[in-house]
Amino acid sequence: MSKRRTTSIAAVLLSGAVVASTFTAAQADTVEITPIEQVQGTGDTSPLVGQKTTVRGVVTAAYAEGGIRGFYLQSAGSGAQIPTEGSSAVFIYAPDDVASVEVGDHLQVSGTVSEYYGLTQIKAQSVKSLSEPAESIKPLAITLPSDEAGREQIESMLIEPQGEFTVSDNYSLNQYGELTLAMGTSSILPGEKLLRQPTDVFAPGSAQAAELGKENEQRSIVVDDGATLNFSTAKNTTVALPYIDSAHRVSVGAEATFTGPMILDYRYDLWRLQPQGQVIGSDDADIALHFEQIDNSAPQDVGGNVSVGSFNVLNYFTTTGDELSGCSYYSDREGNPVTVRQGCDARGAANQASFERQQSKIVAALSKFTADVVVLEEIENSARNGRSRIAAGPTRG
């Protein structure tokens, strides 16, 4: 479910009476208000970096838990059109106040403007609730710009992405709760929806490979979970992964359909779409994204009389890490070493027990293949570890 705080602006106890931190416009109008558009500016950094400023707006997303520790504030009534004088929204870093903030609140925020690894933000020193109603935010219905300048123009705004999206990478969903979508289809590879590896299609170093790599950057967008959690660490293994469970898959090649608005932001060197609150699990009515459920029970029938299958066995090394010196490991939830991380020439199982577990899973999976030819990938070249080059390869039985 989406982790959203439902508490109102905190009240403080003063002289035996409860006084809510809510202000009328007249009471809060003792300082100069700077439009959020001026804070953002028209360049890739704010023209007000290092300056103290006060802004007003409506909360469009809030993250009390999960590590983001702040909320997004957007100019009241904005969103119907692309702003021309700078984005109409800004991230407010407010770890001490975000727990008392809800989507839809009308707030006045004072703080210092900064750039946090490319994202314009205000580090809040004061967060005040305004009692006057504000004109609602209109999610900007737009085809996501493919260029940096176009995305900067709407940074941190609430948007409804338009167009066709395809899941192109789900590798990081299990670790950071994020996945990559491909927008539309490739102009270089007509009909291709995924983000193909350039050197999988064209020769390394070729102009075509470089062109496809550039197009991939323009067509890709990361969908995040409204958190910065690393799900591979022990303290976060009890938190349900976002968007997926035993009944909901997020498969590469699946169509992704937006059913509600999201925030366009920039974190960890990538443009991202953030939900309006942290997403935990997949059975949340507030999740603004639906994924096509692809049936992978059998390969598509393409005709012919010879079938070929490919199986990546994920670093099948008969040389285990404990046979070499200098290895460090990835561990399971109990802290037991499972696979080699770095430091030595082995890349597979940490020890014999892990190797046998890996081997049994591979054999079980291979037994399901009905292909005439099966190609295995990521098998150890054992010569590097003093054995026959094919020591890890199949043997005749």
Protein backbone atom coordinates (compact mmCIF):
# COMPACT_ATOMS: atom_id res chain seq x y z
CA MET A 1 0.00 0.00 0.00
CA SER A 2 1.04 3.61 -0.44
CA LYS A 3 2.56 5.07 2.70
CA ARG A 4 0.91 8.44 3.04
CA ARG A 5 0.55 10.39 6.23
CA THR A 6 -2.99 11.45 7.03
CA THR A 7 -2.25 13.62 10.06
CA SER A 8 -3.01 17.32 9.76
CA ILE A 9 -0.57 20.18 10.35
CA ALA A 10 0.78 19.60 13.85
CA ALA A 11 -0.73 21.55 16.70
CA VAL A 12 1.46 22.85 19.50
CA LEU A 13 0.57 23.04 23.16
CA LEU A 14 1.04 26.54 24.51
CA SER A 15 -0.01 27.68 27.99
CA GLY A 16 -2.47 24.83 28.31
CA ALA A 17 -4.21 25.57 25.00
CA VAL A 18 -3.83 23.90 21.61
CA VAL A 19 -2.77 26.40 18.94
CA ALA A 20 -2.75 25.07 15.33
CA SER A 21 0.01 26.30 13.05
CA THR A 22 -2.48 27.61 10.49
CA PHE A 23 -2.24 31.15 9.18
CA THR A 24 -4.43 33.42 7.11
CA ALA A 25 -2.85 35.07 4.10
CA ALA A 26 -2.73 38.37 5.97
CA GLN A 27 -0.96 36.79 8.96
CA ALA A 28 1.55 35.00 6.74
CA ASP A 29 2.10 37.98 4.43
CA THR A 30 4.82 39.58 6.52
CA VAL A 31 7.55 38.43 4.15
CA GLU A 32 8.03 38.78 0.41
CA ILE A 33 6.69 35.81 -1.55
CA THR A 34 8.79 34.56 -4.47
CA PRO A 35 6.96 32.71 -7.26
CA ILE A 36 8.17 29.13 -7.54
CA GLU A 37 8.81 29.78 -11.25
CA GLN A 38 11.45 32.35 -10.28
CA VAL A 39 13.09 29.88 -7.92
CA GLN A 40 13.37 27.33 -10.71
CA GLY A 41 14.43 29.75 -13.44
CA THR A 42 14.85 28.81 -17.09
CA GLY A 43 18.28 27.16 -16.83
CA ASP A 44 19.43 23.84 -15.44
CA THR A 45 20.18 25.40 -12.04
CA SER A 46 18.24 27.89 -9.93
CA PRO A 47 19.31 31.54 -10.18
CA LEU A 48 18.63 31.84 -6.44
CA VAL A 49 21.01 29.14 -5.17
CA GLY A 50 22.21 30.03 -1.66
CA GLN A 51 19.50 32.62 -1.11
CA LYS A 52 16.72 32.49 1.46
CA THR A 53 13.27 32.70 -0.03
CA THR A 54 9.60 32.18 0.78
CA VAL A 55 7.20 30.41 -1.59
CA ARG A 56 3.55 29.38 -1.56
CA GLY A 57 1.86 26.48 -3.23
CA VAL A 58 -0.12 23.27 -3.05
CA VAL A 59 1.40 19.95 -1.99
CA THR A 60 1.34 17.45 -4.86
CA ALA A 61 3.37 14.61 -3.25
CA ALA A 62 4.71 13.86 0.22
CA TYR A 63 7.19 11.27 1.50
CA ALA A 64 7.31 11.02 5.27
CA GLU A 65 8.96 7.60 5.15
CA GLY A 66 11.29 5.83 2.77
CA GLY A 67 14.20 8.27 2.77
CA ILE A 68 13.14 11.17 0.53
CA ARG A 69 12.07 13.19 3.59
CA GLY A 70 10.26 15.98 1.86
CA PHE A 71 7.39 17.02 -0.39
CA TYR A 72 6.68 18.71 -3.70
CA LEU A 73 5.05 22.13 -3.79
CA GLN A 74 3.43 23.54 -6.94
CA SER A 75 2.01 26.98 -7.70
CA ALA A 76 -1.75 27.05 -7.10
CA GLY A 77 -3.79 26.71 -10.27
CA SER A 78 -0.81 25.72 -12.45
CA GLY A 79 -0.39 22.67 -14.65
CA ALA A 80 -2.81 23.26 -17.50
CA GLN A 81 0.05 24.50 -19.70
CA ILE A 82 3.82 24.18 -19.85
CA PRO A 83 5.31 27.11 -17.91
CA THR A 84 7.52 29.53 -19.85
CA GLU A 85 9.33 31.28 -16.98
CA GLY A 86 10.52 28.18 -15.13
CA SER A 87 8.90 25.09 -13.67
CA SER A 88 5.88 25.72 -11.45
CA ALA A 89 6.95 23.17 -8.81
CA VAL A 90 9.87 22.61 -6.48
CA PHE A 91 11.00 19.96 -4.02
CA ILE A 92 10.91 20.98 -0.35
CA TYR A 93 13.43 19.14 1.82
CA ALA A 94 11.68 19.16 5.20
CA PRO A 95 12.55 16.09 7.34
CA ASP A 96 11.11 17.72 10.48
CA ASP A 97 7.82 18.77 8.88
CA VAL A 98 6.89 16.26 6.18
CA ALA A 99 5.10 13.92 8.61
CA SER A 100 2.49 16.66 9.12
CA VAL A 101 1.99 17.41 5.43
CA GLU A 102 -0.68 15.96 3.14
CA VAL A 103 -1.26 16.09 -0.59
CA GLY A 104 -3.57 19.05 -1.24
CA ASP A 105 -2.33 21.23 1.65
CA HIS A 106 -1.89 24.93 0.89
CA LEU A 107 1.45 25.94 2.43
CA GLN A 108 3.90 28.77 2.83
CA VAL A 109 7.51 27.60 3.02
CA SER A 110 10.61 29.59 3.89
CA GLY A 111 14.10 28.23 3.41
CA THR A 112 17.35 28.25 1.44
CA VAL A 113 17.50 27.36 -2.24
CA SER A 114 20.02 24.74 -3.34
CA GLU A 115 20.77 22.21 -6.06
CA TYR A 116 20.87 18.65 -4.75
CA TYR A 117 22.76 16.66 -7.37
CA GLY A 118 20.84 18.38 -10.14
CA LEU A 119 17.44 18.74 -8.45
CA THR A 120 16.40 22.25 -7.41
CA GLN A 121 15.15 22.23 -3.83
CA ILE A 122 14.38 24.46 -0.88
CA LYS A 123 15.69 23.33 2.49
CA ALA A 124 12.78 24.31 4.70
CA GLN A 125 13.27 26.40 7.83
CA SER A 126 9.59 27.21 8.25
CA VAL A 127 6.47 25.41 6.99
CA LYS A 128 3.13 27.15 7.60
CA SER A 129 -0.35 26.06 6.63
CA LEU A 130 -2.54 28.67 4.94
CA SER A 131 -6.23 28.65 5.80
CA GLU A 132 -7.33 30.16 2.49
CA PRO A 133 -8.37 27.61 -0.16
CA ALA A 134 -6.06 27.42 -3.16
CA GLU A 135 -6.93 26.76 -6.78
CA SER A 136 -6.29 23.09 -7.45
CA ILE A 137 -3.35 21.76 -9.43
CA LYS A 138 -4.09 20.49 -12.92
CA PRO A 139 -1.81 17.57 -13.83
CA LEU A 140 0.06 18.45 -17.00
CA ALA A 141 -1.02 15.99 -19.71
CA ILE A 142 2.05 15.81 -21.92
CA THR A 143 4.26 13.56 -23.99
CA LEU A 144 7.47 13.47 -21.97
CA PRO A 145 10.16 15.66 -23.56
CA SER A 146 13.16 13.72 -24.86
CA ASP A 147 15.68 16.49 -24.23
CA GLU A 148 17.19 17.83 -21.01
CA ALA A 149 15.93 21.37 -21.53
CA GLY A 150 12.38 20.19 -22.07
CA ARG A 151 12.43 18.12 -18.90
CA GLU A 152 14.02 20.92 -16.89
CA GLN A 153 11.11 23.13 -17.93
CA ILE A 154 8.67 20.89 -16.01
CA GLU A 155 10.97 19.55 -13.28
CA SER A 156 9.08 18.53 -10.10
CA MET A 157 5.65 19.17 -11.64
CA LEU A 158 2.65 16.85 -11.45
CA ILE A 159 2.17 15.30 -14.88
CA GLU A 160 0.06 12.72 -16.68
CA PRO A 161 2.45 11.06 -19.16
CA GLN A 162 0.91 10.58 -22.60
CA GLY A 163 1.85 8.05 -25.26
CA GLU A 164 2.97 4.44 -25.38
CA PHE A 165 5.27 2.96 -22.74
CA THR A 166 6.96 -0.46 -22.58
CA VAL A 167 8.85 -2.02 -19.66
CA SER A 168 12.44 -2.22 -20.91
CA ASP A 169 14.36 -3.01 -17.70
CA ASN A 170 13.21 -4.40 -14.35
CA TYR A 171 16.64 -5.35 -12.98
CA SER A 172 16.69 -2.74 -10.21
CA LEU A 173 13.12 -3.34 -9.04
CA ASN A 174 14.37 -5.96 -6.60
CA GLN A 175 17.02 -3.64 -5.14
CA TYR A 176 15.96 -0.01 -5.40
CA GLY A 177 12.29 -0.32 -6.31
CA GLU A 178 12.76 1.21 -9.74
CA LEU A 179 12.27 0.15 -13.36
CA THR A 180 12.92 1.64 -16.77
CA LEU A 181 10.25 2.36 -19.36
CA ALA A 182 10.82 2.93 -23.06
CA MET A 183 8.72 5.66 -24.65
CA GLY A 184 7.18 4.98 -28.04
CA THR A 185 9.12 3.06 -30.68
CA SER A 186 12.62 3.42 -32.06
CA SER A 187 13.13 5.51 -35.19
CA ILE A 188 16.44 3.72 -35.83
CA LEU A 189 14.98 0.23 -35.41
CA PRO A 190 11.45 0.55 -36.84
CA GLY A 191 8.87 -1.21 -34.70
CA GLU A 192 11.26 -1.84 -31.80
CA LYS A 193 9.68 -0.89 -28.48
CA LEU A 194 12.49 -1.91 -26.13
CA LEU A 195 15.79 -0.11 -25.51
CA ARG A 196 18.12 -2.46 -27.37
CA GLN A 197 21.78 -2.56 -26.42
CA PRO A 198 23.50 -0.62 -29.25
CA THR A 199 26.30 -3.18 -29.67
CA ASP A 200 23.73 -5.98 -29.78
CA VAL A 201 22.51 -4.48 -33.05
CA PHE A 202 25.48 -2.57 -34.49
CA ALA A 203 29.26 -2.96 -34.41
CA PRO A 204 30.98 -1.51 -31.32
CA GLY A 205 32.35 1.96 -32.00
CA SER A 206 30.18 2.45 -35.08
CA ALA A 207 28.19 5.60 -35.76
CA GLN A 208 24.99 3.53 -35.73
CA ALA A 209 25.72 2.20 -32.25
CA ALA A 210 26.40 5.71 -30.97
CA GLU A 211 23.20 7.00 -32.56
CA LEU A 212 21.11 4.22 -30.99
CA GLY A 213 22.70 4.86 -27.59
CA LYS A 214 21.71 8.52 -27.81
CA GLU A 215 18.19 7.61 -28.85
CA ASN A 216 17.91 5.17 -25.93
CA GLU A 217 18.68 8.01 -23.51
CA GLN A 218 15.97 10.14 -25.08
CA ARG A 219 13.37 7.36 -25.01
CA SER A 220 13.98 6.12 -21.47
CA ILE A 221 12.39 7.18 -18.19
CA VAL A 222 12.78 5.57 -14.76
CA VAL A 223 9.70 4.85 -12.65
CA ASP A 224 10.55 5.00 -8.95
CA ASP A 225 8.67 4.05 -5.79
CA GLY A 226 8.77 7.32 -3.83
CA ALA A 227 11.61 6.04 -1.65
CA THR A 228 15.38 5.63 -1.57
CA LEU A 229 15.40 2.22 0.13
CA ASN A 230 17.89 -0.47 -0.80
CA PHE A 231 15.82 -3.64 -0.53
CA SER A 232 18.90 -5.86 -0.56
CA THR A 233 19.96 -4.69 2.90
CA ALA A 234 18.81 -6.64 5.95
CA LYS A 235 16.85 -3.77 7.52
CA ASN A 236 14.60 -3.42 4.45
CA THR A 237 13.90 -7.06 3.59
CA THR A 238 10.59 -6.95 5.50
CA VAL A 239 9.29 -4.11 3.30
CA ALA A 240 7.20 -5.39 0.39
CA LEU A 241 8.66 -4.57 -3.02
CA PRO A 242 6.68 -1.97 -4.97
CA TYR A 243 4.47 -2.81 -7.93
CA ILE A 244 4.90 -6.61 -7.76
CA ASP A 245 3.78 -9.63 -5.77
CA SER A 246 2.98 -13.26 -6.50
CA ALA A 247 -0.04 -12.27 -8.59
CA HIS A 248 1.33 -9.13 -10.29
CA ARG A 249 4.31 -9.29 -12.63
CA VAL A 250 6.36 -6.51 -14.19
CA SER A 251 7.83 -8.20 -17.26
CA VAL A 252 10.25 -6.78 -19.80
CA GLY A 253 8.22 -6.14 -22.93
CA ALA A 254 4.99 -5.53 -21.05
CA GLU A 255 2.90 -2.48 -21.84
CA ALA A 256 2.79 0.10 -19.02
CA THR A 257 -0.28 2.33 -18.77
CA PHE A 258 -0.47 5.40 -16.55
CA THR A 259 -3.79 5.62 -14.72
CA GLY A 260 -3.01 8.75 -12.72
CA PRO A 261 -0.48 11.57 -12.32
CA MET A 262 3.13 11.32 -11.16
CA ILE A 263 5.95 13.74 -10.35
CA LEU A 264 8.81 14.30 -12.81
CA ASP A 265 12.03 14.65 -10.82
CA TYR A 266 15.77 14.15 -11.14
CA ARG A 267 17.71 11.91 -8.74
CA TYR A 268 20.83 9.79 -8.93
CA ASP A 269 21.74 11.19 -12.35
CA LEU A 270 18.49 10.10 -13.99
CA TRP A 271 15.10 11.61 -14.78
CA ARG A 272 12.40 9.79 -12.86
CA LEU A 273 8.66 9.57 -12.37
CA GLN A 274 7.79 9.49 -8.68
CA PRO A 275 4.40 8.44 -7.29
CA GLN A 276 2.63 10.95 -5.05
CA GLY A 277 3.50 8.86 -2.01
CA GLN A 278 5.70 5.88 -1.24
CA VAL A 279 4.47 2.70 -2.92
CA ILE A 280 4.69 -0.53 -0.90
CA GLY A 281 3.43 -3.71 -2.53
CA SER A 282 1.14 -3.86 -5.54
CA ASP A 283 -2.41 -3.87 -4.18
CA ASP A 284 -2.66 -0.11 -3.74
CA ALA A 285 -5.57 1.69 -5.35
CA ASP A 286 -3.41 4.82 -5.46
CA ILE A 287 -0.78 3.28 -7.75
CA ALA A 288 -0.92 5.33 -10.95
CA LEU A 289 0.54 2.65 -13.19
CA HIS A 290 -0.83 -0.59 -14.64
CA PHE A 291 1.36 -3.30 -16.18
CA GLU A 292 0.25 -5.75 -18.83
CA GLN A 293 0.39 -9.30 -17.48
CA ILE A 294 2.33 -11.30 -20.07
CA ASP A 295 1.78 -15.05 -20.22
CA ASN A 296 5.24 -16.62 -20.22
CA SER A 297 4.06 -20.22 -19.96
CA ALA A 298 5.26 -21.03 -23.48
CA PRO A 299 7.23 -19.33 -26.27
CA GLN A 300 5.35 -17.77 -29.13
CA ASP A 301 4.85 -20.05 -32.12
CA VAL A 302 6.88 -18.62 -35.02
CA GLY A 303 6.82 -21.66 -37.31
CA GLY A 304 9.80 -23.67 -38.56
CA ASN A 305 10.98 -27.16 -37.65
CA VAL A 306 14.04 -26.48 -35.46
CA SER A 307 13.77 -24.75 -32.10
CA VAL A 308 16.60 -22.92 -30.31
CA GLY A 309 16.58 -21.89 -26.67
CA SER A 310 18.91 -19.57 -24.74
CA PHE A 311 19.58 -19.83 -21.01
CA ASN A 312 21.73 -17.42 -19.00
CA VAL A 313 23.01 -19.54 -16.09
CA LEU A 314 24.27 -16.42 -14.26
CA ASN A 315 27.97 -17.02 -13.62
CA TYR A 316 28.11 -20.81 -13.45
CA PHE A 317 31.61 -21.21 -11.99
CA THR A 318 32.76 -24.61 -10.76
CA THR A 319 35.59 -22.72 -9.07
CA THR A 320 33.96 -21.42 -5.89
CA GLY A 321 35.04 -18.32 -4.04
CA ASP A 322 36.33 -20.16 -1.00
CA GLU A 323 38.92 -21.89 -3.20
CA LEU A 324 40.60 -18.57 -3.98
CA SER A 325 42.03 -15.73 -1.91
CA GLY A 326 40.75 -12.17 -1.82
CA CYS A 327 37.08 -12.87 -2.56
CA SER A 328 34.31 -10.76 -1.03
CA TYR A 329 30.70 -11.87 -1.19
CA TYR A 330 27.06 -11.01 -1.55
CA SER A 331 25.19 -12.44 1.43
CA ASP A 332 21.67 -13.69 2.04
CA ARG A 333 19.32 -12.25 4.65
CA GLU A 334 20.99 -14.27 7.40
CA GLY A 335 24.42 -12.98 6.45
CA ASN A 336 25.65 -16.20 4.80
CA PRO A 337 27.91 -15.73 1.75
CA VAL A 338 26.11 -16.74 -1.43
CA THR A 339 27.95 -15.43 -4.48
CA VAL A 340 31.29 -13.76 -5.17
CA ARG A 341 31.13 -9.99 -5.29
CA GLN A 342 34.69 -8.96 -6.15
CA GLY A 343 38.34 -9.36 -5.25
CA CYS A 344 39.17 -12.62 -7.09
CA ASP A 345 38.80 -14.41 -10.42
CA ALA A 346 35.72 -16.39 -9.41
CA ARG A 347 32.33 -14.85 -10.13
CA GLY A 348 29.94 -17.60 -9.16
CA ALA A 349 29.02 -19.45 -5.98
CA ALA A 350 30.73 -18.58 -2.71
CA ASN A 351 31.11 -22.20 -1.59
CA GLN A 352 30.16 -25.76 -2.44
CA ALA A 353 26.75 -25.54 -0.78
CA SER A 354 25.82 -22.46 -2.83
CA PHE A 355 27.20 -24.09 -5.98
CA GLU A 356 25.09 -27.21 -5.52
CA ARG A 357 22.00 -25.06 -4.95
CA GLN A 358 22.74 -23.11 -8.14
CA GLN A 359 23.41 -26.30 -10.09
CA SER A 360 20.20 -27.98 -8.98
CA LYS A 361 18.14 -24.95 -10.03
CA ILE A 362 19.80 -24.88 -13.44
CA VAL A 363 19.21 -28.60 -14.01
CA ALA A 364 15.57 -28.27 -12.95
CA ALA A 365 15.05 -25.40 -15.35
CA LEU A 366 16.82 -27.16 -18.23
CA SER A 367 14.60 -30.18 -17.77
CA LYS A 368 11.65 -28.01 -18.81
CA PHE A 369 13.24 -27.07 -22.14
CA THR A 370 11.81 -28.73 -25.25
CA ALA A 371 14.13 -26.91 -27.67
CA ASP A 372 16.26 -28.90 -30.12
CA VAL A 373 19.28 -26.71 -29.29
CA VAL A 374 19.91 -24.96 -25.98
CA VAL A 375 22.63 -22.31 -25.71
CA LEU A 376 24.06 -21.65 -22.25
CA GLU A 377 25.55 -18.28 -21.32
CA GLU A 378 27.93 -17.14 -18.54
CA ILE A 379 29.83 -20.38 -18.03
CA GLU A 380 33.31 -20.17 -16.48
CA ASN A 381 36.43 -20.37 -18.61
CA SER A 382 38.18 -22.52 -16.03
CA ALA A 383 41.64 -22.12 -17.62
CA ARG A 384 41.95 -18.80 -15.81
CA ASN A 385 41.77 -20.71 -12.53
CA GLY A 386 44.27 -23.42 -13.47
CA ARG A 387 41.85 -26.00 -14.84
CA SER A 388 40.74 -27.24 -18.22
CA ARG A 389 39.03 -24.51 -20.24
CA ILE A 390 35.89 -26.64 -20.42
CA ALA A 391 35.91 -27.89 -16.84
CA ALA A 392 32.64 -26.08 -16.17
CA GLY A 393 31.07 -27.25 -19.41
CA PRO A 394 28.66 -30.14 -19.92
CA THR A 395 29.95 -33.69 -19.76
CA ARG A 396 28.72 -36.68 -21.72
CA GLY A 397 26.66 -39.05 -19.62
